Amino acid sequence: MYNYNHYKVHNRDEVISFMESNPFVTLISTRISGRVELTQVPVLITQRDGKL
């Protein structure tokens, strides 16, 4: 997936705040039959020594 420079957020605190406020990601997959499946997956964020 192309990551457009226009949409990048460079403020680390802003990114972490967004991720903590929205702790789910949507995983999209396709079966061989063509059926699309969507699942919400929880994401836990831990910071240690300045790293996520």
C-alpha atoms as a PDB file:
ATOM      1  CA  MET A   1       0.000   0.000   0.000  1.00  0.00           C
ATOM      2  CA  TYR A   2       1.369   3.386  -0.961  1.00  0.00           C
ATOM      3  CA  ASN A   3       1.832   5.720   1.982  1.00  0.00           C
ATOM      4  CA  TYR A   4       1.096   9.251   0.746  1.00  0.00           C
ATOM      5  CA  ASN A   5       3.308  11.891   2.320  1.00  0.00           C
ATOM      6  CA  HIS A   6       0.321  14.252   2.532  1.00  0.00           C
ATOM      7  CA  TYR A   7      -1.422  11.957   5.058  1.00  0.00           C
ATOM      8  CA  LYS A   8       1.565  11.119   7.262  1.00  0.00           C
ATOM      9  CA  VAL A   9       1.534  12.309  10.851  1.00  0.00           C
ATOM     10  CA  HIS A  10       5.015  13.013  12.194  1.00  0.00           C
ATOM     11  CA  ASN A  11       4.035  13.915  15.762  1.00  0.00           C
ATOM     12  CA  ARG A  12       4.665  10.737  17.777  1.00  0.00           C
ATOM     13  CA  ASP A  13       2.457  11.812  20.708  1.00  0.00           C
ATOM     14  CA  GLU A  14      -0.452  12.492  18.337  1.00  0.00           C
ATOM     15  CA  VAL A  15      -0.081   9.052  16.747  1.00  0.00           C
ATOM     16  CA  ILE A  16       0.061   7.277  20.116  1.00  0.00           C
ATOM     17  CA  SER A  17      -2.965   9.227  21.379  1.00  0.00           C
ATOM     18  CA  PHE A  18      -4.937   8.212  18.284  1.00  0.00           C
ATOM     19  CA  MET A  19      -3.947   4.568  18.686  1.00  0.00           C
ATOM     20  CA  GLU A  20      -4.937   4.560  22.373  1.00  0.00           C
ATOM     21  CA  SER A  21      -8.308   6.180  21.549  1.00  0.00           C
ATOM     22  CA  ASN A  22      -8.986   3.658  18.748  1.00  0.00           C
ATOM     23  CA  PRO A  23      -7.706   0.302  20.060  1.00  0.00           C
ATOM     24  CA  PHE A  24      -9.158  -1.833  17.244  1.00  0.00           C
ATOM     25  CA  VAL A  25      -8.004  -2.481  13.699  1.00  0.00           C
ATOM     26  CA  THR A  26     -10.067  -4.022  10.934  1.00  0.00           C
ATOM     27  CA  LEU A  27      -8.509  -7.084   9.341  1.00  0.00           C
ATOM     28  CA  ILE A  28      -9.868  -7.746   5.842  1.00  0.00           C
ATOM     29  CA  SER A  29      -9.288 -11.046   4.088  1.00  0.00           C
ATOM     30  CA  THR A  30     -10.639 -12.884   1.068  1.00  0.00           C
ATOM     31  CA  ARG A  31     -11.314 -16.584   0.784  1.00  0.00           C
ATOM     32  CA  ILE A  32     -10.525 -18.557  -2.357  1.00  0.00           C
ATOM     33  CA  SER A  33     -14.258 -18.510  -3.122  1.00  0.00           C
ATOM     34  CA  GLY A  34     -14.097 -14.695  -3.273  1.00  0.00           C
ATOM     35  CA  ARG A  35     -16.000 -14.175  -0.028  1.00  0.00           C
ATOM     36  CA  VAL A  36     -14.719 -11.153   1.880  1.00  0.00           C
ATOM     37  CA  GLU A  37     -14.409 -11.428   5.653  1.00  0.00           C
ATOM     38  CA  LEU A  38     -13.857  -8.585   8.107  1.00  0.00           C
ATOM     39  CA  THR A  39     -12.794  -8.962  11.711  1.00  0.00           C
ATOM     40  CA  GLN A  40     -12.029  -6.362  14.335  1.00  0.00           C
ATOM     41  CA  VAL A  41      -8.865  -7.135  16.256  1.00  0.00           C
ATOM     42  CA  PRO A  42      -7.892  -5.401  19.523  1.00  0.00           C
ATOM     43  CA  VAL A  43      -4.492  -3.747  19.593  1.00  0.00           C
ATOM     44  CA  LEU A  44      -2.636  -3.222  22.856  1.00  0.00           C
ATOM     45  CA  ILE A  45       0.083  -0.589  22.962  1.00  0.00           C
ATOM     46  CA  THR A  46       2.995  -0.736  25.390  1.00  0.00           C
ATOM     47  CA  GLN A  47       5.819   1.776  25.570  1.00  0.00           C
ATOM     48  CA  ARG A  48       9.203   0.747  26.972  1.00  0.00           C
ATOM     49  CA  ASP A  49      12.401   2.765  26.773  1.00  0.00           C
ATOM     50  CA  GLY A  50      10.790   5.136  24.248  1.00  0.00           C
ATOM     51  CA  LYS A  51       9.787   2.303  21.918  1.00  0.00           C
ATOM     52  CA  LEU A  52       6.336   0.918  21.125  1.00  0.00           C
END
